[in-house]
PDB file of all heavy atoms in Angstrom:
ATOM      1  N   ALA A   1       7.184   0.527 -20.933  1.00  0.00           N
ATOM      2  CA  ALA A   1       6.214  -0.357 -21.326  1.00  0.00           C
ATOM      3  C   ALA A   1       7.062  -1.686 -21.521  1.00  0.00           C
ATOM      4  O   ALA A   1       8.118  -1.621 -22.037  1.00  0.00           O
ATOM      5  CB  ALA A   1       5.536  -0.063 -22.621  1.00  0.00           C
ATOM      6  N   GLU A   2       6.487  -2.793 -20.978  1.00  0.00           N
ATOM      7  CA  GLU A   2       7.373  -3.971 -20.983  1.00  0.00           C
ATOM      8  C   GLU A   2       7.668  -4.422 -22.473  1.00  0.00           C
ATOM      9  O   GLU A   2       8.886  -4.785 -22.751  1.00  0.00           O
ATOM     10  CB  GLU A   2       6.516  -5.236 -20.370  1.00  0.00           C
ATOM     11  CG  GLU A   2       7.109  -6.519 -20.489  1.00  0.00           C
ATOM     12  CD  GLU A   2       6.091  -7.718 -20.290  1.00  0.00           C
ATOM     13  OE1 GLU A   2       4.932  -7.415 -20.700  1.00  0.00           O
ATOM     14  OE2 GLU A   2       6.652  -8.823 -19.866  1.00  0.00           O
ATOM     15  N   LYS A   3       6.694  -4.299 -23.367  1.00  0.00           N
ATOM     16  CA  LYS A   3       6.946  -4.589 -24.813  1.00  0.00           C
ATOM     17  C   LYS A   3       7.683  -3.581 -25.633  1.00  0.00           C
ATOM     18  O   LYS A   3       8.201  -3.867 -26.694  1.00  0.00           O
ATOM     19  CB  LYS A   3       5.697  -5.095 -25.435  1.00  0.00           C
ATOM     20  CG  LYS A   3       5.074  -6.231 -24.799  1.00  0.00           C
ATOM     21  CD  LYS A   3       4.361  -7.166 -25.870  1.00  0.00           C
ATOM     22  CE  LYS A   3       3.624  -8.163 -25.182  1.00  0.00           C
ATOM     23  NZ  LYS A   3       4.427  -9.441 -24.939  1.00  0.00           N
ATOM     24  N   PHE A   4       7.764  -2.413 -24.975  1.00  0.00           N
ATOM     25  CA  PHE A   4       8.532  -1.382 -25.800  1.00  0.00           C
ATOM     26  C   PHE A   4       9.491  -0.652 -24.904  1.00  0.00           C
ATOM     27  O   PHE A   4       9.250   0.590 -24.550  1.00  0.00           O
ATOM     28  CB  PHE A   4       7.485  -0.343 -26.309  1.00  0.00           C
ATOM     29  CG  PHE A   4       6.340  -1.018 -27.195  1.00  0.00           C
ATOM     30  CD1 PHE A   4       5.172  -1.324 -26.664  1.00  0.00           C
ATOM     31  CD2 PHE A   4       6.664  -1.254 -28.533  1.00  0.00           C
ATOM     32  CE1 PHE A   4       4.265  -1.863 -27.442  1.00  0.00           C
ATOM     33  CE2 PHE A   4       5.665  -1.727 -29.286  1.00  0.00           C
ATOM     34  CZ  PHE A   4       4.417  -2.175 -28.791  1.00  0.00           C
ATOM     35  N   PRO A   5      10.390  -1.216 -24.356  1.00  0.00           N
ATOM     36  CA  PRO A   5      11.290  -0.705 -23.243  1.00  0.00           C
ATOM     37  C   PRO A   5      12.124   0.525 -23.613  1.00  0.00           C
ATOM     38  O   PRO A   5      12.473   1.222 -22.759  1.00  0.00           O
ATOM     39  CB  PRO A   5      12.214  -2.016 -22.852  1.00  0.00           C
ATOM     40  CG  PRO A   5      12.268  -2.731 -24.077  1.00  0.00           C
ATOM     41  CD  PRO A   5      10.898  -2.607 -24.645  1.00  0.00           C
ATOM     42  N   ASN A   6      12.427   0.705 -25.024  1.00  0.00           N
ATOM     43  CA  ASN A   6      13.195   1.670 -25.500  1.00  0.00           C
ATOM     44  C   ASN A   6      12.480   2.884 -25.964  1.00  0.00           C
ATOM     45  O   ASN A   6      13.129   3.888 -26.334  1.00  0.00           O
ATOM     46  CB  ASN A   6      14.219   1.176 -26.505  1.00  0.00           C
ATOM     47  CG  ASN A   6      15.135   0.198 -26.087  1.00  0.00           C
ATOM     48  OD1 ASN A   6      15.668   0.260 -24.969  1.00  0.00           O
ATOM     49  ND2 ASN A   6      15.296  -0.967 -26.767  1.00  0.00           N
ATOM     50  N   ILE A   7      11.146   2.915 -25.832  1.00  0.00           N
ATOM     51  CA  ILE A   7      10.231   3.927 -26.363  1.00  0.00           C
ATOM     52  C   ILE A   7       9.902   4.664 -25.089  1.00  0.00           C
ATOM     53  O   ILE A   7       9.263   4.093 -24.212  1.00  0.00           O
ATOM     54  CB  ILE A   7       9.066   3.533 -27.116  1.00  0.00           C
ATOM     55  CG1 ILE A   7       9.636   2.830 -28.497  1.00  0.00           C
ATOM     56  CG2 ILE A   7       8.162   4.598 -27.498  1.00  0.00           C
ATOM     57  CD1 ILE A   7       8.488   2.205 -29.235  1.00  0.00           C
ATOM     58  N   PRO A   8      10.065   5.982 -24.936  1.00  0.00           N
ATOM     59  CA  PRO A   8       9.632   6.781 -23.817  1.00  0.00           C
ATOM     60  C   PRO A   8       8.098   6.724 -23.660  1.00  0.00           C
ATOM     61  O   PRO A   8       7.426   6.630 -24.722  1.00  0.00           O
ATOM     62  CB  PRO A   8       9.903   8.203 -24.104  1.00  0.00           C
ATOM     63  CG  PRO A   8      11.074   8.159 -25.190  1.00  0.00           C
ATOM     64  CD  PRO A   8      10.916   6.848 -25.925  1.00  0.00           C
ATOM     65  N   ILE A   9       7.573   6.590 -22.505  1.00  0.00           N
ATOM     66  CA  ILE A   9       6.111   6.400 -22.374  1.00  0.00           C
ATOM     67  C   ILE A   9       5.289   7.490 -22.923  1.00  0.00           C
ATOM     68  O   ILE A   9       4.206   7.258 -23.303  1.00  0.00           O
ATOM     69  CB  ILE A   9       5.705   6.060 -20.932  1.00  0.00           C
ATOM     70  CG1 ILE A   9       6.080   7.197 -19.952  1.00  0.00           C
ATOM     71  CG2 ILE A   9       6.335   4.807 -20.365  1.00  0.00           C
ATOM     72  CD1 ILE A   9       5.473   6.993 -18.533  1.00  0.00           C
ATOM     73  N   GLU A  10       5.955   8.668 -23.026  1.00  0.00           N
ATOM     74  CA  GLU A  10       5.207   9.838 -23.463  1.00  0.00           C
ATOM     75  C   GLU A  10       4.889   9.576 -24.995  1.00  0.00           C
ATOM     76  O   GLU A  10       4.052  10.259 -25.645  1.00  0.00           O
ATOM     77  CB  GLU A  10       6.013  11.152 -23.403  1.00  0.00           C
ATOM     78  CG  GLU A  10       6.346  11.573 -21.974  1.00  0.00           C
ATOM     79  CD  GLU A  10       7.521  10.779 -21.313  1.00  0.00           C
ATOM     80  OE1 GLU A  10       8.396  10.285 -22.097  1.00  0.00           O
ATOM     81  OE2 GLU A  10       7.573  10.794 -20.169  1.00  0.00           O
ATOM     82  N   ASP A  11       5.715   8.738 -25.713  1.00  0.00           N
ATOM     83  CA  ASP A  11       5.514   8.483 -27.099  1.00  0.00           C
ATOM     84  C   ASP A  11       4.664   7.336 -27.431  1.00  0.00           C
ATOM     85  O   ASP A  11       4.433   7.036 -28.656  1.00  0.00           O
ATOM     86  CB  ASP A  11       6.986   8.320 -27.728  1.00  0.00           C
ATOM     87  CG  ASP A  11       7.773   9.485 -27.581  1.00  0.00           C
ATOM     88  OD1 ASP A  11       7.311  10.669 -27.417  1.00  0.00           O
ATOM     89  OD2 ASP A  11       9.003   9.290 -27.796  1.00  0.00           O
ATOM     90  N   LEU A  12       4.057   6.634 -26.352  1.00  0.00           N
ATOM     91  CA  LEU A  12       3.229   5.492 -26.659  1.00  0.00           C
ATOM     92  C   LEU A  12       1.773   5.818 -26.901  1.00  0.00           C
ATOM     93  O   LEU A  12       1.076   4.892 -27.280  1.00  0.00           O
ATOM     94  CB  LEU A  12       3.378   4.542 -25.376  1.00  0.00           C
ATOM     95  CG  LEU A  12       4.756   3.957 -25.090  1.00  0.00           C
ATOM     96  CD1 LEU A  12       4.771   3.175 -23.842  1.00  0.00           C
ATOM     97  CD2 LEU A  12       5.189   3.003 -26.386  1.00  0.00           C
ATOM     98  N   GLY A  13       1.407   7.036 -26.629  1.00  0.00           N
ATOM     99  CA  GLY A  13       0.059   7.380 -27.010  1.00  0.00           C
ATOM    100  C   GLY A  13      -1.010   6.938 -25.988  1.00  0.00           C
ATOM    101  O   GLY A  13      -2.121   6.810 -26.297  1.00  0.00           O
ATOM    102  N   GLN A  14      -0.456   6.601 -24.773  1.00  0.00           N
ATOM    103  CA  GLN A  14      -1.442   6.329 -23.578  1.00  0.00           C
ATOM    104  C   GLN A  14      -1.349   7.364 -22.524  1.00  0.00           C
ATOM    105  O   GLN A  14      -0.340   8.019 -22.400  1.00  0.00           O
ATOM    106  CB  GLN A  14      -1.017   4.927 -23.109  1.00  0.00           C
ATOM    107  CG  GLN A  14      -1.239   3.832 -24.165  1.00  0.00           C
ATOM    108  CD  GLN A  14      -1.512   2.484 -23.480  1.00  0.00           C
ATOM    109  OE1 GLN A  14      -0.960   2.022 -22.620  1.00  0.00           O
ATOM    110  NE2 GLN A  14      -2.505   1.791 -24.135  1.00  0.00           N
ATOM    111  N   LYS A  15      -2.419   7.505 -21.809  1.00  0.00           N
ATOM    112  CA  LYS A  15      -2.516   8.285 -20.649  1.00  0.00           C
ATOM    113  C   LYS A  15      -2.094   7.518 -19.437  1.00  0.00           C
ATOM    114  O   LYS A  15      -2.834   6.513 -19.000  1.00  0.00           O
ATOM    115  CB  LYS A  15      -3.929   8.885 -20.412  1.00  0.00           C
ATOM    116  CG  LYS A  15      -4.012   9.812 -19.250  1.00  0.00           C
ATOM    117  CD  LYS A  15      -5.415  10.404 -19.071  1.00  0.00           C
ATOM    118  CE  LYS A  15      -5.507  11.305 -17.928  1.00  0.00           C
ATOM    119  NZ  LYS A  15      -6.878  11.767 -17.633  1.00  0.00           N
ATOM    120  N   VAL A  16      -0.913   7.799 -18.828  1.00  0.00           N
ATOM    121  CA  VAL A  16      -0.201   7.095 -17.849  1.00  0.00           C
ATOM    122  C   VAL A  16       0.214   8.098 -16.761  1.00  0.00           C
ATOM    123  O   VAL A  16       0.899   9.082 -17.082  1.00  0.00           O
ATOM    124  CB  VAL A  16       0.926   6.291 -18.320  1.00  0.00           C
ATOM    125  CG1 VAL A  16       1.582   5.623 -17.305  1.00  0.00           C
ATOM    126  CG2 VAL A  16       0.381   5.242 -19.405  1.00  0.00           C
ATOM    127  N   GLU A  17       0.071   7.727 -15.439  1.00  0.00           N
ATOM    128  CA  GLU A  17       0.720   8.519 -14.405  1.00  0.00           C
ATOM    129  C   GLU A  17       1.945   7.852 -13.984  1.00  0.00           C
ATOM    130  O   GLU A  17       1.861   6.618 -13.643  1.00  0.00           O
ATOM    131  CB  GLU A  17      -0.190   8.716 -13.193  1.00  0.00           C
ATOM    132  CG  GLU A  17       0.408   9.458 -12.055  1.00  0.00           C
ATOM    133  CD  GLU A  17      -0.330   9.435 -10.720  1.00  0.00           C
ATOM    134  OE1 GLU A  17      -1.560   9.021 -10.870  1.00  0.00           O
ATOM    135  OE2 GLU A  17       0.238   9.729  -9.636  1.00  0.00           O
ATOM    136  N   CYS A  18       3.096   8.482 -14.004  1.00  0.00           N
ATOM    137  CA  CYS A  18       4.397   7.817 -13.420  1.00  0.00           C
ATOM    138  C   CYS A  18       4.962   8.894 -12.577  1.00  0.00           C
ATOM    139  O   CYS A  18       5.485   9.950 -13.002  1.00  0.00           O
ATOM    140  CB  CYS A  18       5.352   7.655 -14.570  1.00  0.00           C
ATOM    141  SG  CYS A  18       6.858   6.944 -14.220  1.00  0.00           S
ATOM    142  N   SER A  19       4.850   8.695 -11.283  1.00  0.00           N
ATOM    143  CA  SER A  19       5.324   9.697 -10.246  1.00  0.00           C
ATOM    144  C   SER A  19       6.078   9.011  -9.127  1.00  0.00           C
ATOM    145  O   SER A  19       5.718   8.056  -8.626  1.00  0.00           O
ATOM    146  CB  SER A  19       4.196  10.599  -9.770  1.00  0.00           C
ATOM    147  OG  SER A  19       3.397   9.948  -8.783  1.00  0.00           O
ATOM    148  N   VAL A  20       7.007   9.904  -8.556  1.00  0.00           N
ATOM    149  CA  VAL A  20       7.662   9.401  -7.286  1.00  0.00           C
ATOM    150  C   VAL A  20       6.573   9.396  -6.194  1.00  0.00           C
ATOM    151  O   VAL A  20       6.915   8.860  -4.983  1.00  0.00           O
ATOM    152  CB  VAL A  20       8.896  10.379  -6.907  1.00  0.00           C
ATOM    153  CG1 VAL A  20       9.934  10.182  -7.915  1.00  0.00           C
ATOM    154  CG2 VAL A  20       8.480  11.786  -6.722  1.00  0.00           C
ATOM    155  N   ASP A  21       5.539  10.118  -6.160  1.00  0.00           N
ATOM    156  CA  ASP A  21       4.526  10.095  -5.152  1.00  0.00           C
ATOM    157  C   ASP A  21       3.648   8.781  -5.120  1.00  0.00           C
ATOM    158  O   ASP A  21       3.370   8.364  -4.071  1.00  0.00           O
ATOM    159  CB  ASP A  21       3.627  11.249  -5.327  1.00  0.00           C
ATOM    160  CG  ASP A  21       4.303  12.637  -5.088  1.00  0.00           C
ATOM    161  OD1 ASP A  21       5.148  12.677  -4.291  1.00  0.00           O
ATOM    162  OD2 ASP A  21       3.962  13.547  -5.938  1.00  0.00           O
ATOM    163  N   ASN A  22       3.289   8.213  -6.310  1.00  0.00           N
ATOM    164  CA  ASN A  22       2.364   7.135  -6.308  1.00  0.00           C
ATOM    165  C   ASN A  22       2.940   5.901  -7.056  1.00  0.00           C
ATOM    166  O   ASN A  22       2.415   4.890  -6.884  1.00  0.00           O
ATOM    167  CB  ASN A  22       1.169   7.629  -7.038  1.00  0.00           C
ATOM    168  CG  ASN A  22       0.402   8.723  -6.379  1.00  0.00           C
ATOM    169  OD1 ASN A  22       0.327   8.672  -5.183  1.00  0.00           O
ATOM    170  ND2 ASN A  22      -0.019   9.696  -7.187  1.00  0.00           N
ATOM    171  N   GLY A  23       3.886   6.082  -7.981  1.00  0.00           N
ATOM    172  CA  GLY A  23       4.370   5.001  -8.803  1.00  0.00           C
ATOM    173  C   GLY A  23       3.698   5.124 -10.068  1.00  0.00           C
ATOM    174  O   GLY A  23       3.594   6.188 -10.646  1.00  0.00           O
ATOM    175  N   LEU A  24       3.293   4.110 -10.816  1.00  0.00           N
ATOM    176  CA  LEU A  24       2.683   4.066 -12.041  1.00  0.00           C
ATOM    177  C   LEU A  24       1.261   3.615 -12.007  1.00  0.00           C
ATOM    178  O   LEU A  24       0.940   2.539 -11.415  1.00  0.00           O
ATOM    179  CB  LEU A  24       3.419   3.227 -13.172  1.00  0.00           C
ATOM    180  CG  LEU A  24       2.805   3.277 -14.485  1.00  0.00           C
ATOM    181  CD1 LEU A  24       4.023   3.300 -15.532  1.00  0.00           C
ATOM    182  CD2 LEU A  24       1.973   1.992 -14.770  1.00  0.00           C
ATOM    183  N   LEU A  25       0.335   4.354 -12.660  1.00  0.00           N
ATOM    184  CA  LEU A  25      -0.967   4.040 -12.723  1.00  0.00           C
ATOM    185  C   LEU A  25      -1.488   4.276 -14.188  1.00  0.00           C
ATOM    186  O   LEU A  25      -1.420   5.328 -14.691  1.00  0.00           O
ATOM    187  CB  LEU A  25      -1.903   4.720 -11.728  1.00  0.00           C
ATOM    188  CG  LEU A  25      -3.367   4.367 -11.648  1.00  0.00           C
ATOM    189  CD1 LEU A  25      -3.530   2.887 -11.263  1.00  0.00           C
ATOM    190  CD2 LEU A  25      -4.189   5.288 -10.752  1.00  0.00           C
ATOM    191  N   CYS A  26      -2.092   3.152 -14.815  1.00  0.00           N
ATOM    192  CA  CYS A  26      -2.719   3.308 -16.170  1.00  0.00           C
ATOM    193  C   CYS A  26      -4.141   2.703 -16.119  1.00  0.00           C
ATOM    194  O   CYS A  26      -4.297   1.571 -15.689  1.00  0.00           O
ATOM    195  CB  CYS A  26      -1.917   2.572 -17.214  1.00  0.00           C
ATOM    196  SG  CYS A  26      -2.559   2.713 -18.892  1.00  0.00           S
ATOM    197  N   LYS A  27      -5.069   3.510 -16.413  1.00  0.00           N
ATOM    198  CA  LYS A  27      -6.626   3.056 -16.414  1.00  0.00           C
ATOM    199  C   LYS A  27      -6.953   2.782 -17.809  1.00  0.00           C
ATOM    200  O   LYS A  27      -6.815   3.637 -18.710  1.00  0.00           O
ATOM    201  CB  LYS A  27      -7.396   4.073 -15.808  1.00  0.00           C
ATOM    202  CG  LYS A  27      -7.120   4.370 -14.364  1.00  0.00           C
ATOM    203  CD  LYS A  27      -7.958   5.470 -13.754  1.00  0.00           C
ATOM    204  CE  LYS A  27      -7.502   5.929 -12.387  1.00  0.00           C
ATOM    205  NZ  LYS A  27      -8.355   7.036 -11.894  1.00  0.00           N
ATOM    206  N   ASN A  28      -7.559   1.602 -18.075  1.00  0.00           N
ATOM    207  CA  ASN A  28      -8.111   1.291 -19.343  1.00  0.00           C
ATOM    208  C   ASN A  28      -9.187   2.354 -19.805  1.00  0.00           C
ATOM    209  O   ASN A  28      -9.244   2.680 -20.975  1.00  0.00           O
ATOM    210  CB  ASN A  28      -8.884  -0.168 -19.255  1.00  0.00           C
ATOM    211  CG  ASN A  28      -7.835  -1.247 -19.332  1.00  0.00           C
ATOM    212  OD1 ASN A  28      -6.565  -1.028 -19.462  1.00  0.00           O
ATOM    213  ND2 ASN A  28      -8.266  -2.420 -18.915  1.00  0.00           N
ATOM    214  N   SER A  29      -9.859   2.774 -18.885  1.00  0.00           N
ATOM    215  CA  SER A  29     -10.983   3.706 -19.145  1.00  0.00           C
ATOM    216  C   SER A  29     -10.499   5.105 -19.741  1.00  0.00           C
ATOM    217  O   SER A  29     -11.134   5.785 -20.388  1.00  0.00           O
ATOM    218  CB  SER A  29     -11.892   4.061 -18.002  1.00  0.00           C
ATOM    219  OG  SER A  29     -11.147   4.538 -16.888  1.00  0.00           O
ATOM    220  N   ASP A  30      -9.170   5.365 -19.476  1.00  0.00           N
ATOM    221  CA  ASP A  30      -8.643   6.605 -19.952  1.00  0.00           C
ATOM    222  C   ASP A  30      -7.979   6.556 -21.383  1.00  0.00           C
ATOM    223  O   ASP A  30      -7.550   7.522 -21.912  1.00  0.00           O
ATOM    224  CB  ASP A  30      -7.517   7.056 -18.989  1.00  0.00           C
ATOM    225  CG  ASP A  30      -7.978   7.592 -17.640  1.00  0.00           C
ATOM    226  OD1 ASP A  30      -9.126   7.962 -17.555  1.00  0.00           O
ATOM    227  OD2 ASP A  30      -7.165   7.616 -16.721  1.00  0.00           O
ATOM    228  N   GLN A  31      -7.998   5.286 -21.887  1.00  0.00           N
ATOM    229  CA  GLN A  31      -7.180   5.025 -23.154  1.00  0.00           C
ATOM    230  C   GLN A  31      -8.227   5.188 -24.387  1.00  0.00           C
ATOM    231  O   GLN A  31      -9.407   5.009 -24.188  1.00  0.00           O
ATOM    232  CB  GLN A  31      -6.673   3.735 -23.148  1.00  0.00           C
ATOM    233  CG  GLN A  31      -5.749   3.405 -22.049  1.00  0.00           C
ATOM    234  CD  GLN A  31      -4.748   4.498 -21.604  1.00  0.00           C
ATOM    235  OE1 GLN A  31      -4.134   5.090 -22.554  1.00  0.00           O
ATOM    236  NE2 GLN A  31      -4.770   4.909 -20.270  1.00  0.00           N
ATOM    237  N   VAL A  32      -7.634   5.650 -25.439  1.00  0.00           N
ATOM    238  CA  VAL A  32      -8.510   5.850 -26.732  1.00  0.00           C
ATOM    239  C   VAL A  32      -7.665   4.907 -27.757  1.00  0.00           C
ATOM    240  O   VAL A  32      -6.576   4.571 -27.665  1.00  0.00           O
ATOM    241  CB  VAL A  32      -8.450   7.236 -27.126  1.00  0.00           C
ATOM    242  CG1 VAL A  32      -9.327   8.130 -26.158  1.00  0.00           C
ATOM    243  CG2 VAL A  32      -7.103   7.799 -27.461  1.00  0.00           C
ATOM    244  N   LEU A  33      -8.522   4.625 -28.930  1.00  0.00           N
ATOM    245  CA  LEU A  33      -7.933   3.836 -29.864  1.00  0.00           C
ATOM    246  C   LEU A  33      -6.755   4.553 -30.576  1.00  0.00           C
ATOM    247  O   LEU A  33      -6.646   5.893 -30.606  1.00  0.00           O
ATOM    248  CB  LEU A  33      -8.900   3.616 -31.077  1.00  0.00           C
ATOM    249  CG  LEU A  33     -10.023   2.675 -30.742  1.00  0.00           C
ATOM    250  CD1 LEU A  33     -11.020   2.620 -31.787  1.00  0.00           C
ATOM    251  CD2 LEU A  33      -9.455   1.136 -30.564  1.00  0.00           C
TER     252      LEU A  33
END
């Protein structure tokens, strides 16, 4: 995450795909408060 570069994305509480097949994809509709 641009604003949290030292925090692993798994610890950010968001549903994010990060893969060598596609790159990164984050959908607003998948996120919760």
